C-alpha atoms as a PDB file:
ATOM      1  CA  MET A   1      -0.471  -0.075   0.166  1.00  0.00           C
ATOM      2  CA  GLU A   2       2.005   3.416  -0.963  1.00  0.00           C
ATOM      3  CA  PRO A   3       1.519   6.144   1.182  1.00  0.00           C
ATOM      4  CA  GLU A   4       0.530   9.284  -0.383  1.00  0.00           C
ATOM      5  CA  GLN A   5       1.129  13.118   0.672  1.00  0.00           C
ATOM      6  CA  ALA A   6      -2.048  15.355   1.266  1.00  0.00           C
ATOM      7  CA  GLY A   7      -1.408  19.123   3.384  1.00  0.00           C
ATOM      8  CA  GLY A   8       1.951  17.560   4.935  1.00  0.00           C
ATOM      9  CA  VAL A   9       0.192  14.851   6.857  1.00  0.00           C
ATOM     10  CA  THR A  10       0.866  10.840   5.404  1.00  0.00           C
ATOM     11  CA  ARG A  11      -1.861   9.237   3.701  1.00  0.00           C
ATOM     12  CA  VAL A  12      -2.849   5.545   2.567  1.00  0.00           C
ATOM     13  CA  ARG A  13      -5.187   4.473  -0.002  1.00  0.00           C
ATOM     14  CA  ASP A  14      -7.418   2.821   2.693  1.00  0.00           C
ATOM     15  CA  GLY A  15      -7.960   6.517   4.048  1.00  0.00           C
ATOM     16  CA  VAL A  16      -5.926   5.613   7.242  1.00  0.00           C
ATOM     17  CA  THR A  17      -3.543   8.765   8.541  1.00  0.00           C
ATOM     18  CA  GLY A  18      -0.422   8.811  11.170  1.00  0.00           C
ATOM     19  CA  THR A  19      -2.739  11.298  12.704  1.00  0.00           C
ATOM     20  CA  ARG A  20      -6.062   9.199  13.153  1.00  0.00           C
ATOM     21  CA  VAL A  21      -3.935   6.435  14.443  1.00  0.00           C
ATOM     22  CA  ALA A  22      -2.214   8.734  16.799  1.00  0.00           C
ATOM     23  CA  ASN A  23      -5.249   9.977  17.941  1.00  0.00           C
ATOM     24  CA  GLU A  24      -6.765   6.429  18.799  1.00  0.00           C
ATOM     25  CA  LEU A  25      -3.615   5.426  20.199  1.00  0.00           C
ATOM     26  CA  ARG A  26      -3.664   8.672  22.329  1.00  0.00           C
ATOM     27  CA  SER A  27      -6.535   8.245  24.088  1.00  0.00           C
ATOM     28  CA  ALA A  28      -5.986   4.301  25.110  1.00  0.00           C
ATOM     29  CA  ILE A  29      -2.684   5.195  26.431  1.00  0.00           C
ATOM     30  CA  LEU A  30      -4.300   8.052  28.371  1.00  0.00           C
ATOM     31  CA  HIS A  31      -6.703   5.884  29.370  1.00  0.00           C
ATOM     32  CA  GLY A  32      -4.753   3.088  31.228  1.00  0.00           C
ATOM     33  CA  ALA A  33      -5.214   0.461  28.315  1.00  0.00           C
ATOM     34  CA  HIS A  34      -1.688  -0.221  27.463  1.00  0.00           C
ATOM     35  CA  PRO A  35       0.330  -0.153  31.377  1.00  0.00           C
ATOM     36  CA  PRO A  36       3.933   1.921  31.101  1.00  0.00           C
ATOM     37  CA  GLY A  37       6.569  -0.624  29.575  1.00  0.00           C
ATOM     38  CA  THR A  38       4.192  -2.101  27.208  1.00  0.00           C
ATOM     39  CA  ARG A  39       6.097  -3.027  23.853  1.00  0.00           C
ATOM     40  CA  LEU A  40       4.169  -1.823  20.631  1.00  0.00           C
ATOM     41  CA  ARG A  41       4.682  -3.632  17.876  1.00  0.00           C
ATOM     42  CA  GLN A  42       3.968  -1.873  14.295  1.00  0.00           C
ATOM     43  CA  GLU A  43       2.338  -5.436  12.683  1.00  0.00           C
ATOM     44  CA  GLU A  44       0.060  -5.512  15.941  1.00  0.00           C
ATOM     45  CA  LEU A  45      -0.815  -1.726  15.396  1.00  0.00           C
ATOM     46  CA  ALA A  46      -1.543  -1.941  11.429  1.00  0.00           C
ATOM     47  CA  ALA A  47      -4.079  -4.997  11.938  1.00  0.00           C
ATOM     48  CA  GLN A  48      -6.090  -3.220  14.661  1.00  0.00           C
ATOM     49  CA  PHE A  49      -6.073   0.110  12.714  1.00  0.00           C
ATOM     50  CA  GLY A  50      -6.054  -1.578   9.304  1.00  0.00           C
ATOM     51  CA  ALA A  51      -3.451   0.667   8.055  1.00  0.00           C
ATOM     52  CA  SER A  52      -0.108  -0.057   6.451  1.00  0.00           C
ATOM     53  CA  ARG A  53       2.846   0.488   8.317  1.00  0.00           C
ATOM     54  CA  VAL A  54       3.632   3.967   7.206  1.00  0.00           C
ATOM     55  CA  PRO A  55       0.489   5.860   9.103  1.00  0.00           C
ATOM     56  CA  VAL A  56       1.715   3.569  12.402  1.00  0.00           C
ATOM     57  CA  ARG A  57       4.935   4.714  11.730  1.00  0.00           C
ATOM     58  CA  GLU A  58       3.691   8.144  11.703  1.00  0.00           C
ATOM     59  CA  ALA A  59       1.791   7.804  14.840  1.00  0.00           C
ATOM     60  CA  LEU A  60       4.550   6.644  16.957  1.00  0.00           C
ATOM     61  CA  ARG A  61       6.604   9.607  15.622  1.00  0.00           C
ATOM     62  CA  ILE A  62       3.801  11.878  16.789  1.00  0.00           C
ATOM     63  CA  LEU A  63       3.391  10.305  20.357  1.00  0.00           C
ATOM     64  CA  GLN A  64       7.026  10.163  20.846  1.00  0.00           C
ATOM     65  CA  ALA A  65       7.372  14.103  20.639  1.00  0.00           C
ATOM     66  CA  GLU A  66       4.249  14.422  23.271  1.00  0.00           C
ATOM     67  CA  GLY A  67       6.604  12.261  25.882  1.00  0.00           C
ATOM     68  CA  LEU A  68       3.906   9.300  25.443  1.00  0.00           C
ATOM     69  CA  ILE A  69       5.591   6.447  23.896  1.00  0.00           C
ATOM     70  CA  THR A  70       9.811   6.310  23.682  1.00  0.00           C
ATOM     71  CA  THR A  71      11.618   4.379  20.726  1.00  0.00           C
ATOM     72  CA  VAL A  72      14.664   2.866  20.444  1.00  0.00           C
ATOM     73  CA  ALA A  73      16.212   3.091  16.767  1.00  0.00           C
ATOM     74  CA  ASN A  74      15.947  -0.604  15.203  1.00  0.00           C
ATOM     75  CA  THR A  75      14.249  -1.840  18.340  1.00  0.00           C
ATOM     76  CA  GLY A  76      10.990  -0.513  18.876  1.00  0.00           C
ATOM     77  CA  ALA A  77       8.597   1.324  20.695  1.00  0.00           C
ATOM     78  CA  TRP A  78       7.418   1.093  24.254  1.00  0.00           C
ATOM     79  CA  ILE A  79       5.117   2.789  26.635  1.00  0.00           C
ATOM     80  CA  ALA A  80       6.467   5.684  28.442  1.00  0.00           C
ATOM     81  CA  ARG A  81       8.027   4.343  31.525  1.00  0.00           C
ATOM     82  CA  LEU A  82       9.209   6.261  34.832  1.00  0.00           C
ATOM     83  CA  SER A  83      11.651   5.174  37.624  1.00  0.00           C
ATOM     84  CA  LEU A  84      10.838   6.618  41.177  1.00  0.00           C
ATOM     85  CA  ASP A  85      13.636   9.112  40.408  1.00  0.00           C
ATOM     86  CA  GLU A  86      13.113  10.314  37.109  1.00  0.00           C
ATOM     87  CA  CYS A  87       9.099  10.752  38.719  1.00  0.00           C
ATOM     88  CA  VAL A  88       9.943  12.886  41.488  1.00  0.00           C
ATOM     89  CA  GLU A  89      12.362  14.593  38.657  1.00  0.00           C
ATOM     90  CA  LEU A  90       9.791  15.588  36.206  1.00  0.00           C
ATOM     91  CA  TYR A  91       7.264  16.691  39.171  1.00  0.00           C
ATOM     92  CA  GLN A  92       9.794  18.969  40.350  1.00  0.00           C
ATOM     93  CA  VAL A  93      10.044  20.684  36.955  1.00  0.00           C
ATOM     94  CA  ARG A  94       5.685  20.929  37.083  1.00  0.00           C
ATOM     95  CA  GLU A  95       6.653  22.365  40.678  1.00  0.00           C
ATOM     96  CA  ARG A  96       8.582  24.962  38.880  1.00  0.00           C
ATOM     97  CA  ILE A  97       7.170  26.371  35.729  1.00  0.00           C
ATOM     98  CA  GLU A  98       3.292  25.160  35.649  1.00  0.00           C
ATOM     99  CA  PRO A  99       2.906  28.376  38.241  1.00  0.00           C
ATOM    100  CA  LEU A 100       4.854  30.053  35.857  1.00  0.00           C
ATOM    101  CA  LEU A 101       2.734  29.158  32.864  1.00  0.00           C
ATOM    102  CA  LEU A 102      -0.621  29.457  34.870  1.00  0.00           C
ATOM    103  CA  ARG A 103       0.398  33.321  35.452  1.00  0.00           C
ATOM    104  CA  TYR A 104       0.932  33.539  31.594  1.00  0.00           C
ATOM    105  CA  SER A 105      -2.547  32.311  31.347  1.00  0.00           C
ATOM    106  CA  MET A 106      -4.386  33.845  34.019  1.00  0.00           C
ATOM    107  CA  PRO A 107      -4.683  37.593  32.470  1.00  0.00           C
ATOM    108  CA  ALA A 108      -6.155  36.078  29.216  1.00  0.00           C
ATOM    109  CA  LEU A 109      -9.103  33.838  30.587  1.00  0.00           C
ATOM    110  CA  ASN A 110     -12.415  34.866  29.873  1.00  0.00           C
ATOM    111  CA  ALA A 111     -15.002  34.422  32.049  1.00  0.00           C
ATOM    112  CA  ASP A 112     -16.566  31.705  30.283  1.00  0.00           C
ATOM    113  CA  GLN A 113     -13.670  29.847  30.238  1.00  0.00           C
ATOM    114  CA  VAL A 114     -13.534  30.395  34.381  1.00  0.00           C
ATOM    115  CA  ASP A 115     -17.000  29.231  34.417  1.00  0.00           C
ATOM    116  CA  ARG A 116     -15.893  25.897  32.916  1.00  0.00           C
ATOM    117  CA  LEU A 117     -13.434  25.802  35.267  1.00  0.00           C
ATOM    118  CA  THR A 118     -15.870  25.777  37.837  1.00  0.00           C
ATOM    119  CA  GLN A 119     -17.746  23.125  36.313  1.00  0.00           C
ATOM    120  CA  LEU A 120     -15.181  21.143  36.129  1.00  0.00           C
ATOM    121  CA  VAL A 121     -13.897  21.465  40.123  1.00  0.00           C
ATOM    122  CA  GLU A 122     -17.912  20.170  40.941  1.00  0.00           C
ATOM    123  CA  GLU A 123     -18.261  17.574  38.288  1.00  0.00           C
ATOM    124  CA  MET A 124     -14.830  16.023  39.269  1.00  0.00           C
ATOM    125  CA  ALA A 125     -16.228  15.880  43.126  1.00  0.00           C
ATOM    126  CA  ARG A 126     -18.995  13.868  41.771  1.00  0.00           C
ATOM    127  CA  ALA A 127     -16.603  11.867  39.707  1.00  0.00           C
ATOM    128  CA  ARG A 128     -18.061   7.853  39.773  1.00  0.00           C
ATOM    129  CA  ASP A 129     -14.423   6.321  39.206  1.00  0.00           C
ATOM    130  CA  VAL A 130     -10.927   7.410  38.961  1.00  0.00           C
ATOM    131  CA  GLU A 131     -11.027   7.452  34.452  1.00  0.00           C
ATOM    132  CA  GLU A 132     -13.503   9.966  34.925  1.00  0.00           C
ATOM    133  CA  PHE A 133     -11.757  11.912  37.282  1.00  0.00           C
ATOM    134  CA  LEU A 134      -8.484  11.915  35.635  1.00  0.00           C
ATOM    135  CA  GLU A 135      -9.900  13.045  32.245  1.00  0.00           C
ATOM    136  CA  LEU A 136     -12.067  15.872  34.134  1.00  0.00           C
ATOM    137  CA  ASP A 137      -8.716  16.727  35.992  1.00  0.00           C
ATOM    138  CA  ARG A 138      -6.771  16.994  32.793  1.00  0.00           C
ATOM    139  CA  ALA A 139      -9.385  19.417  31.352  1.00  0.00           C
ATOM    140  CA  PHE A 140      -9.147  21.137  34.057  1.00  0.00           C
ATOM    141  CA  HIS A 141      -5.637  22.198  34.439  1.00  0.00           C
ATOM    142  CA  LEU A 142      -5.050  22.241  31.095  1.00  0.00           C
ATOM    143  CA  GLY A 143      -8.081  24.319  30.899  1.00  0.00           C
ATOM    144  CA  THR A 144      -6.413  26.744  33.120  1.00  0.00           C
ATOM    145  CA  TYR A 145      -3.127  27.013  31.186  1.00  0.00           C
ATOM    146  CA  ALA A 146      -5.272  28.130  27.879  1.00  0.00           C
ATOM    147  CA  GLY A 147      -4.475  31.563  28.126  1.00  0.00           C
ATOM    148  CA  ALA A 148      -1.062  31.579  27.824  1.00  0.00           C
ATOM    149  CA  ASP A 149       0.473  32.112  24.352  1.00  0.00           C
ATOM    150  CA  THR A 150       4.020  30.831  24.465  1.00  0.00           C
ATOM    151  CA  SER A 151       5.895  28.388  21.982  1.00  0.00           C
ATOM    152  CA  PHE A 152       8.256  26.381  24.558  1.00  0.00           C
ATOM    153  CA  LEU A 153       6.311  26.471  27.993  1.00  0.00           C
ATOM    154  CA  GLY A 154       2.826  25.590  27.058  1.00  0.00           C
ATOM    155  CA  PRO A 155       3.781  22.596  25.258  1.00  0.00           C
ATOM    156  CA  THR A 156       6.945  21.345  27.180  1.00  0.00           C
ATOM    157  CA  VAL A 157       4.136  21.144  30.623  1.00  0.00           C
ATOM    158  CA  LEU A 158       1.453  18.982  27.850  1.00  0.00           C
ATOM    159  CA  ARG A 159       4.739  16.500  27.343  1.00  0.00           C
ATOM    160  CA  LEU A 160       5.286  16.574  31.152  1.00  0.00           C
ATOM    161  CA  TRP A 161       1.360  15.845  31.916  1.00  0.00           C
ATOM    162  CA  ASN A 162       1.572  13.351  29.432  1.00  0.00           C
ATOM    163  CA  THR A 163       4.543  11.697  30.572  1.00  0.00           C
ATOM    164  CA  THR A 164       3.458  11.698  34.446  1.00  0.00           C
ATOM    165  CA  GLN A 165      -0.306  10.291  32.702  1.00  0.00           C
ATOM    166  CA  HIS A 166       0.008   6.920  34.629  1.00  0.00           C
ATOM    167  CA  TYR A 167       1.701   8.212  37.763  1.00  0.00           C
ATOM    168  CA  ARG A 168      -1.449  10.910  38.496  1.00  0.00           C
ATOM    169  CA  ARG A 169      -3.831   7.640  37.984  1.00  0.00           C
ATOM    170  CA  ALA A 170      -1.569   5.250  40.673  1.00  0.00           C
ATOM    171  CA  PHE A 171      -1.924   8.651  43.122  1.00  0.00           C
ATOM    172  CA  THR A 172      -5.725   8.835  42.783  1.00  0.00           C
ATOM    173  CA  ARG A 173      -5.733   5.258  43.331  1.00  0.00           C
ATOM    174  CA  LEU A 174      -3.812   5.726  46.797  1.00  0.00           C
ATOM    175  CA  LEU A 175      -5.745   8.948  48.325  1.00  0.00           C
ATOM    176  CA  ASP A 176      -7.692   8.267  51.120  1.00  0.00           C
ATOM    177  CA  LEU A 177     -10.601  10.266  52.594  1.00  0.00           C
ATOM    178  CA  ASP A 178      -8.552  13.445  53.836  1.00  0.00           C
ATOM    179  CA  GLY A 179      -6.151  13.098  50.891  1.00  0.00           C
ATOM    180  CA  ASN A 180      -9.343  13.393  48.540  1.00  0.00           C
ATOM    181  CA  ARG A 181     -11.140  16.187  50.639  1.00  0.00           C
ATOM    182  CA  ILE A 182      -7.857  18.220  50.399  1.00  0.00           C
ATOM    183  CA  LEU A 183      -7.358  17.267  46.767  1.00  0.00           C
ATOM    184  CA  HIS A 184     -10.816  18.822  45.906  1.00  0.00           C
ATOM    185  CA  ASP A 185     -10.164  21.635  48.088  1.00  0.00           C
ATOM    186  CA  GLU A 186      -7.249  22.914  46.245  1.00  0.00           C
ATOM    187  CA  HIS A 187      -9.339  22.727  43.237  1.00  0.00           C
ATOM    188  CA  HIS A 188     -11.841  25.186  44.462  1.00  0.00           C
ATOM    189  CA  MET A 189      -9.085  27.294  46.016  1.00  0.00           C
ATOM    190  CA  LEU A 190      -7.533  27.352  42.880  1.00  0.00           C
ATOM    191  CA  VAL A 191     -10.225  28.300  40.649  1.00  0.00           C
ATOM    192  CA  THR A 192     -11.006  31.039  43.189  1.00  0.00           C
ATOM    193  CA  ALA A 193      -7.760  32.570  42.526  1.00  0.00           C
ATOM    194  CA  ILE A 194      -8.323  32.459  38.725  1.00  0.00           C
ATOM    195  CA  ARG A 195     -11.538  33.839  39.282  1.00  0.00           C
ATOM    196  CA  GLU A 196      -9.969  36.957  41.307  1.00  0.00           C
ATOM    197  CA  GLN A 197      -7.023  37.574  39.708  1.00  0.00           C
ATOM    198  CA  ASP A 198      -4.776  36.822  42.653  1.00  0.00           C
ATOM    199  CA  GLY A 199      -1.686  35.401  40.586  1.00  0.00           C
ATOM    200  CA  GLU A 200       0.133  34.901  43.423  1.00  0.00           C
ATOM    201  CA  GLU A 201      -2.195  32.745  45.674  1.00  0.00           C
ATOM    202  CA  ALA A 202      -3.108  30.840  42.623  1.00  0.00           C
ATOM    203  CA  GLU A 203       0.605  29.927  42.120  1.00  0.00           C
ATOM    204  CA  ARG A 204       0.654  28.952  45.849  1.00  0.00           C
ATOM    205  CA  VAL A 205      -1.883  26.544  45.563  1.00  0.00           C
ATOM    206  CA  LEU A 206      -0.569  25.204  42.189  1.00  0.00           C
ATOM    207  CA  LEU A 207       2.614  24.448  43.688  1.00  0.00           C
ATOM    208  CA  GLY A 208       1.385  22.785  46.728  1.00  0.00           C
ATOM    209  CA  HIS A 209      -1.049  20.356  44.654  1.00  0.00           C
ATOM    210  CA  ILE A 210       1.664  19.364  42.213  1.00  0.00           C
ATOM    211  CA  ARG A 211       4.218  19.033  45.633  1.00  0.00           C
ATOM    212  CA  ARG A 212       1.294  16.674  47.202  1.00  0.00           C
ATOM    213  CA  THR A 213       1.771  14.587  44.450  1.00  0.00           C
ATOM    214  CA  ARG A 214       5.532  14.067  44.718  1.00  0.00           C
ATOM    215  CA  LEU A 215       5.310  13.216  48.165  1.00  0.00           C
ATOM    216  CA  GLN A 216       2.937  10.815  47.924  1.00  0.00           C
ATOM    217  CA  LEU A 217       4.233   8.984  45.071  1.00  0.00           C
ATOM    218  CA  ALA A 218       7.713   9.077  46.839  1.00  0.00           C
ATOM    219  CA  ARG A 219       5.937   7.120  49.767  1.00  0.00           C
ATOM    220  CA  HIS A 220       5.060   4.335  47.326  1.00  0.00           C
ATOM    221  CA  PRO A 221       8.052   3.142  45.856  1.00  0.00           C
ATOM    222  CA  GLU A 222       5.948  -0.292  44.439  1.00  0.00           C
ATOM    223  CA  VAL A 223       3.991   1.846  42.073  1.00  0.00           C
ATOM    224  CA  PHE A 224       7.302   2.124  39.746  1.00  0.00           C
ATOM    225  CA  ALA A 225       8.355  -1.688  40.193  1.00  0.00           C
END
């Protein structure tokens, strides 16, 4: 099946594109269908998506750039996996750069966007399971950054979110009643600070929010086994 080029996107005669494969595979990874360290075989993915290997290779390149998979030349691709030390390091980076991204974003968020953030906070408190909570939590936090017009910081934060997705899932499952209450309280405090345009308070709450996750994960090295 020969590839064609259309608008810079690799296409094959059956209509399957690398972007489509990447979109579906990204969704599966973010929803925990493939644990960290899972081997991704091109021939299996091609059969799954009814495509040649051309769009599969393109999809893997896209997802590697997004931090969701790692590839080794002439060897293969795996779902991104972190050691405890690597995860701690990435969370420390997040603690420092996400408050900065939030500061860039806040002045540009309009009333409708802030109302949507408030709605997401309320929906998170009613979430029925971990996967629903994670989807809402991701929409909430990335929504707080939606006003930022940055060429480097925004894409970097998104990549860090992708790389640490599995470990947020593990953190959420580790929460007890007090931890769960604190988590939701922090979301409420964060959206209140955003609504009031209190940048210092928003940054303080966000830093503590991310730090709490790091410290909890560091107490559970079995997550990284």
